[in-house]
Protein backbone atom coordinates (compact mmCIF):
# COMPACT_ATOMS: atom_id res chain seq x y z
CA MET A 1 127.09 -24.89 143.00
CA LEU A 2 129.21 -26.49 140.28
CA ASP A 3 128.28 -23.70 137.86
CA ALA A 4 129.43 -21.08 140.38
CA ILE A 5 132.79 -22.85 140.83
CA VAL A 6 133.29 -23.11 137.06
CA TRP A 7 132.34 -19.42 136.66
CA PHE A 8 134.84 -18.46 139.38
CA PHE A 9 137.79 -20.26 137.81
CA GLN A 10 136.83 -19.15 134.31
CA ASN A 11 137.02 -15.53 135.45
CA ILE A 12 140.44 -16.12 137.02
CA ALA A 13 141.69 -17.64 133.76
CA GLN A 14 140.09 -14.81 131.75
CA ALA A 15 141.81 -12.24 133.98
CA PHE A 16 145.19 -12.90 132.30
CA TYR A 17 143.71 -12.17 128.86
CA ASN A 18 141.82 -9.09 130.08
CA PHE A 19 144.91 -7.65 131.74
CA GLY A 20 147.11 -8.31 128.71
CA TYR A 21 144.54 -6.84 126.31
CA ALA A 22 144.13 -3.69 128.44
CA VAL A 23 147.91 -3.16 128.64
CA THR A 24 148.45 -3.71 124.91
CA HIS A 25 145.47 -1.56 123.86
CA PRO A 26 145.61 1.48 126.19
CA ALA A 27 143.93 3.80 123.70
CA LEU A 28 140.67 1.88 124.06
CA TRP A 29 140.24 3.12 127.64
CA LEU A 30 142.80 5.91 128.21
CA ASP A 31 142.28 8.08 125.11
CA TRP A 32 139.66 10.35 126.63
CA SER A 33 139.31 12.36 123.42
CA ASP A 34 137.24 9.34 122.37
CA LYS A 35 133.88 9.23 124.17
CA GLN A 36 133.72 5.46 123.92
CA ALA A 37 137.08 5.20 125.71
CA ILE A 38 135.64 7.18 128.61
CA MET A 39 132.66 4.84 128.82
CA ARG A 40 134.94 1.78 128.71
CA PHE A 41 136.95 3.25 131.57
CA VAL A 42 133.75 3.85 133.54
CA TYR A 43 132.45 0.34 132.88
CA TYR A 44 135.63 -1.59 133.63
CA GLY A 45 136.45 0.44 136.75
CA GLY A 46 133.49 -1.14 138.54
CA SER A 47 133.25 -4.40 136.61
CA VAL A 48 133.58 -8.08 137.47
CA GLU A 49 136.46 -8.24 134.98
CA PHE A 50 138.45 -5.61 136.87
CA PHE A 51 137.73 -7.33 140.20
CA PHE A 52 139.12 -10.64 138.95
CA VAL A 53 142.21 -8.97 137.48
CA VAL A 54 142.96 -7.48 140.90
CA PHE A 55 142.02 -10.71 142.69
CA THR A 56 144.22 -12.84 140.41
CA LEU A 57 147.17 -10.48 140.88
CA PHE A 58 146.63 -10.73 144.64
CA LEU A 59 146.68 -14.54 144.43
CA ILE A 60 149.89 -14.54 142.40
CA VAL A 61 151.68 -12.13 144.75
CA THR A 62 150.47 -14.12 147.76
CA ALA A 63 151.67 -17.41 146.29
CA VAL A 64 155.11 -15.96 145.47
CA GLY A 65 155.29 -14.42 148.94
CA ILE A 66 154.47 -17.69 150.70
CA TRP A 67 157.30 -19.28 148.73
CA LYS A 68 159.71 -16.41 149.44
CA ASN A 69 158.87 -14.51 152.62
CA GLN A 70 161.35 -11.71 151.96
CA PHE A 71 159.37 -10.77 148.85
CA LEU A 72 156.25 -10.53 151.00
CA TRP A 73 158.09 -8.30 153.49
CA GLY A 74 159.00 -6.07 150.56
CA CYS A 75 155.31 -5.79 149.64
CA VAL A 76 154.43 -4.94 153.25
CA ARG A 77 157.12 -2.26 153.49
CA GLY A 78 156.10 -0.75 150.15
CA LEU A 79 152.39 -0.61 150.95
CA GLU A 80 152.96 0.74 154.46
CA ALA A 81 155.37 3.36 153.07
CA PHE A 82 152.65 4.36 150.59
CA ALA A 83 150.13 4.76 153.44
CA ASN A 84 152.59 6.69 155.59
CA THR A 85 153.63 9.02 152.76
CA PHE A 86 150.06 9.95 151.86
CA GLY A 87 149.04 10.28 155.50
CA ARG A 88 151.95 12.44 156.56
CA PHE A 89 151.41 14.75 153.60
CA PHE A 90 147.64 15.17 153.82
CA ALA A 91 147.69 15.44 157.61
CA TRP A 92 148.84 19.02 156.98
CA ALA A 93 145.32 19.69 155.72
CA GLY A 94 144.33 19.79 159.40
CA LEU A 95 146.69 22.71 160.02
CA LEU A 96 145.51 24.41 156.82
CA MET A 97 141.92 24.02 158.03
CA VAL A 98 142.74 25.74 161.33
CA LEU A 99 144.63 28.61 159.66
CA GLN A 100 141.85 29.18 157.13
CA GLN A 101 139.24 29.27 159.89
CA ILE A 102 141.29 31.92 161.70
CA VAL A 103 141.46 34.01 158.49
CA ILE A 104 137.70 33.64 158.01
CA VAL A 105 137.00 34.87 161.54
CA PHE A 106 139.29 37.88 161.10
CA MET A 107 137.83 38.78 157.69
CA GLN A 108 134.27 38.56 159.01
CA ARG A 109 134.60 40.04 162.50
CA VAL A 110 137.53 42.43 162.23
CA PHE A 111 137.62 43.61 158.60
CA THR A 112 133.89 42.94 157.90
CA ARG A 113 134.66 41.75 154.40
CA PRO A 114 132.07 39.67 152.47
CA ASP A 115 134.75 37.89 150.39
CA ILE A 116 138.33 36.63 150.50
CA SER A 117 140.82 36.93 147.66
CA PHE A 118 143.71 34.48 147.57
CA GLY A 119 146.64 34.33 145.12
CA PHE A 120 148.65 36.54 142.77
CA GLY A 121 147.95 37.83 139.28
CA ILE A 122 144.48 36.37 138.80
CA PRO A 123 143.50 35.59 142.40
CA LEU A 124 140.84 33.17 143.58
CA GLN A 125 138.14 35.46 144.96
CA MET A 126 135.16 33.86 146.64
CA ASP A 127 132.50 34.72 149.17
CA VAL A 128 133.41 34.07 152.81
CA SER A 129 130.72 31.37 152.95
CA TRP A 130 132.52 29.54 150.11
CA TRP A 131 135.74 29.40 152.11
CA ALA A 132 133.84 28.41 155.25
CA GLU A 133 132.15 25.46 153.53
CA GLU A 134 135.43 24.45 151.88
CA LEU A 135 136.75 23.55 155.33
CA LYS A 136 134.73 20.33 155.02
CA LEU A 137 136.98 19.32 152.11
CA TYR A 138 140.10 19.51 154.31
CA ASN A 139 138.36 17.40 156.92
CA ALA A 140 137.39 14.83 154.26
CA MET A 141 140.99 14.74 153.01
CA VAL A 142 142.26 13.96 156.50
CA VAL A 143 139.64 11.24 157.02
CA CYS A 144 139.98 9.55 153.62
CA LEU A 145 143.68 9.90 152.87
CA CYS A 146 145.07 9.53 156.40
CA CYS A 147 142.96 6.51 157.38
CA THR A 148 145.52 3.86 156.42
CA TYR A 149 148.37 5.97 157.83
CA THR A 150 146.55 6.05 161.16
CA PHE A 151 146.15 2.26 160.93
CA VAL A 152 149.90 1.80 160.43
CA GLN A 153 150.58 4.08 163.39
CA GLY A 154 148.13 2.15 165.61
CA GLY A 155 145.95 5.20 166.14
CA HIS A 156 142.51 3.73 165.46
CA VAL A 157 140.25 2.88 168.40
CA ARG A 158 139.98 -0.88 168.88
CA VAL A 159 137.29 -2.55 170.97
CA ASP A 160 139.11 -5.40 172.69
CA LEU A 161 137.18 -8.21 174.37
CA ILE A 162 139.59 -11.15 174.02
CA TYR A 163 142.45 -9.93 171.81
CA ALA A 164 144.83 -8.73 174.54
CA GLY A 165 144.71 -12.01 176.45
CA ILE A 166 145.44 -14.46 173.62
CA SER A 167 148.79 -15.67 172.32
CA HIS A 168 150.89 -14.00 169.64
CA ARG A 169 149.92 -16.48 166.92
CA ALA A 170 146.24 -16.37 167.89
CA LYS A 171 146.35 -12.57 167.53
CA ARG A 172 147.81 -12.91 164.06
CA VAL A 173 145.02 -15.34 163.09
CA VAL A 174 142.45 -12.80 164.30
CA ASP A 175 144.20 -10.08 162.31
CA MET A 176 144.27 -12.19 159.14
CA CYS A 177 140.58 -13.03 159.49
CA GLY A 178 139.79 -9.36 160.07
CA ALA A 179 141.66 -8.32 156.93
CA VAL A 180 140.00 -10.96 154.72
CA LEU A 181 136.47 -10.96 156.16
CA PHE A 182 136.00 -7.29 157.03
CA MET A 183 138.55 -4.87 155.54
CA MET A 184 138.65 -6.27 152.01
CA PRO A 185 134.89 -6.79 151.51
CA MET A 186 134.13 -3.36 152.98
CA ALA A 187 136.66 -1.72 150.65
CA VAL A 188 135.30 -3.61 147.60
CA LEU A 189 131.69 -2.67 148.37
CA THR A 190 132.63 0.97 148.97
CA TRP A 191 134.52 1.02 145.67
CA MET A 192 131.64 -0.58 143.74
CA TYR A 193 129.08 1.93 145.00
CA GLY A 194 131.48 4.89 145.11
CA TRP A 195 132.80 4.38 141.55
CA TYR A 196 129.45 4.87 139.82
CA PHE A 197 128.38 7.45 142.42
CA MET A 198 131.44 9.50 141.41
CA TRP A 199 130.90 9.21 137.67
CA ARG A 200 127.19 10.09 137.94
CA HIS A 201 128.37 13.52 139.14
CA LEU A 202 130.96 13.95 136.39
CA ILE A 203 129.29 12.98 133.11
CA VAL A 204 125.93 12.65 131.40
CA PRO A 205 124.15 10.43 130.44
CA LYS A 206 124.54 9.13 133.95
CA PRO A 207 126.08 5.63 134.04
CA SER A 208 124.54 2.90 136.17
CA ALA A 209 126.07 -0.18 137.79
CA SER A 210 123.46 -2.29 135.98
CA ASP A 211 124.46 -1.00 132.53
CA THR A 212 126.23 -3.46 130.23
CA LEU A 213 129.28 -2.38 128.24
CA ASP A 214 127.23 -2.25 125.02
CA ARG A 215 124.65 -0.06 126.76
CA LEU A 216 127.32 2.37 127.96
CA LEU A 217 128.96 2.48 124.53
CA ALA A 218 125.57 3.36 123.06
CA LYS A 219 125.18 6.13 125.65
CA SER A 220 128.62 7.49 124.70
CA ARG A 221 127.12 9.09 121.56
CA ALA A 222 125.47 11.68 123.82
CA LEU A 223 128.28 11.85 126.40
CA ARG A 224 129.45 15.21 127.73
CA TRP A 225 131.20 16.35 130.87
CA ASN A 226 128.79 17.68 133.49
CA VAL A 227 130.93 18.14 136.61
CA GLU A 228 128.85 18.83 139.71
CA THR A 229 129.14 22.50 140.68
CA ILE A 230 126.03 22.96 142.82
CA GLY A 231 126.50 24.13 146.40
CA PHE A 232 124.21 23.91 149.40
CA SER A 233 123.96 27.69 149.54
CA PRO A 234 123.97 30.34 146.75
CA ASN A 235 127.56 31.47 147.42
CA GLY A 236 128.76 28.30 149.13
CA PHE A 237 131.37 25.71 148.17
CA ASN A 238 130.55 24.25 144.74
CA ALA A 239 133.11 21.50 144.16
CA TYR A 240 131.40 18.62 145.93
CA PHE A 241 132.47 16.21 143.19
CA LEU A 242 135.85 16.18 144.98
CA PHE A 243 134.22 14.34 147.89
CA LYS A 244 133.16 11.55 145.52
CA ILE A 245 136.73 11.25 144.24
CA LEU A 246 137.99 11.07 147.82
CA LEU A 247 135.51 8.27 148.57
CA VAL A 248 136.95 6.16 145.74
CA ALA A 249 140.52 6.96 146.82
CA PHE A 250 139.62 5.96 150.38
CA ALA A 251 138.28 2.58 149.22
CA ALA A 252 141.38 1.88 147.13
CA MET A 253 143.76 2.77 149.96
CA VAL A 254 141.87 0.65 152.51
CA PHE A 255 141.92 -2.33 150.14
CA LEU A 256 145.65 -1.98 149.55
CA HIS A 257 146.33 -1.69 153.25
CA ALA A 258 144.12 -4.71 153.98
CA ILE A 259 146.53 -6.65 151.78
CA ALA A 260 149.52 -5.20 153.66
CA PHE A 261 147.91 -6.03 157.01
CA LEU A 262 147.12 -9.58 155.87
CA TYR A 263 150.70 -10.12 154.71
CA ARG A 264 152.21 -8.64 157.89
CA SER A 265 149.95 -10.76 160.08
CA TYR A 266 150.87 -13.90 158.14
CA LEU A 267 154.60 -13.18 158.33
CA GLU A 268 154.46 -12.39 162.03
CA TYR A 269 152.51 -15.63 162.53
CA VAL A 270 155.14 -17.66 160.66
CA GLU A 271 158.22 -15.97 162.14
CA GLY A 272 156.96 -15.80 165.72
CA PRO A 273 156.81 -13.10 168.44
CA GLU A 274 160.26 -11.72 167.62
CA SER A 275 158.95 -10.45 164.28
CA ALA A 276 156.17 -8.30 165.82
CA GLY A 277 156.49 -4.77 164.47
CA LYS A 278 159.30 -5.75 162.09
CA TYR A 279 160.13 -2.96 159.60
CA LEU A 280 157.26 -0.91 161.06
CA ASP A 281 157.79 2.81 160.42
CA LYS A 282 156.00 4.50 163.31
CA ASP A 283 156.16 8.17 164.17
CA SER A 284 157.52 9.27 167.53
CA LEU A 285 156.61 12.27 169.65
CA GLY A 286 160.23 12.59 170.65
CA GLU A 287 162.47 11.56 173.50
CA GLY A 288 160.68 11.54 176.84
CA GLU A 289 157.21 11.22 175.28
CA GLU A 290 157.15 7.42 175.01
CA ALA A 291 154.41 7.07 177.63
CA TYR A 292 152.00 9.11 175.48
CA GLU A 293 152.65 7.29 172.21
CA GLY A 294 149.89 4.95 171.08
CA THR A 295 147.38 6.49 173.48
CA HIS A 296 145.66 8.62 170.85
């Protein structure tokens, strides 16, 4: 037990050095003309060192925010604005998905064309089945990149057994526990598995979560890009590596919003019921539609 505690605080102390070294030596992990730099990036992206750098930064921001609540409100507003901006932009993928499906139906049933050409000059010309399978990418974009936006807007389904009947401060305690015990660990686990899952479909030799840094640097001698371009059907969509990238982006956004939700819950707990929904940027259906808002 004592060894685990010592290890924990040693990693927090080491995080300052690791962060400073990474910032002052960017070529070691950002110069992707160097194969070893790519492998360092792969290793540290899913490493204990990276986790403790993020965790230590979280502790520092939290400590400063507890001392100065207005700073914490600034963090909440910034993170929620980030979620809203991404969500509002990528929500248009839903409309694009509908329009593309309409085009596919017309090209198949009315014009009986086997392919669709899109663009000017050198157009993107693919089989109809390619465009049909690509619709799944739009759906994945909506799910992964609009998840935190939907959370900010209060659009997720919530199973409520006791929450509605408890006091304001008790609700905030439940929210804080939910952010720390469920949202953050889920996001970290998804990132840890998704990070190496993504890179195993981008490069060879395939990296593994169990590989040490020295092992990956040794593998870098044979490194080459091998981006996944295999579809489920001969002429189907062949850019499934994008789904792996979306999975990692989803985990990062959920983790960031878990922090925002934790901070908001804490501030609303400290400041009382009058602070509920403070600075919250929620969309509106328009005047006269208030009864339908929040019911989706």
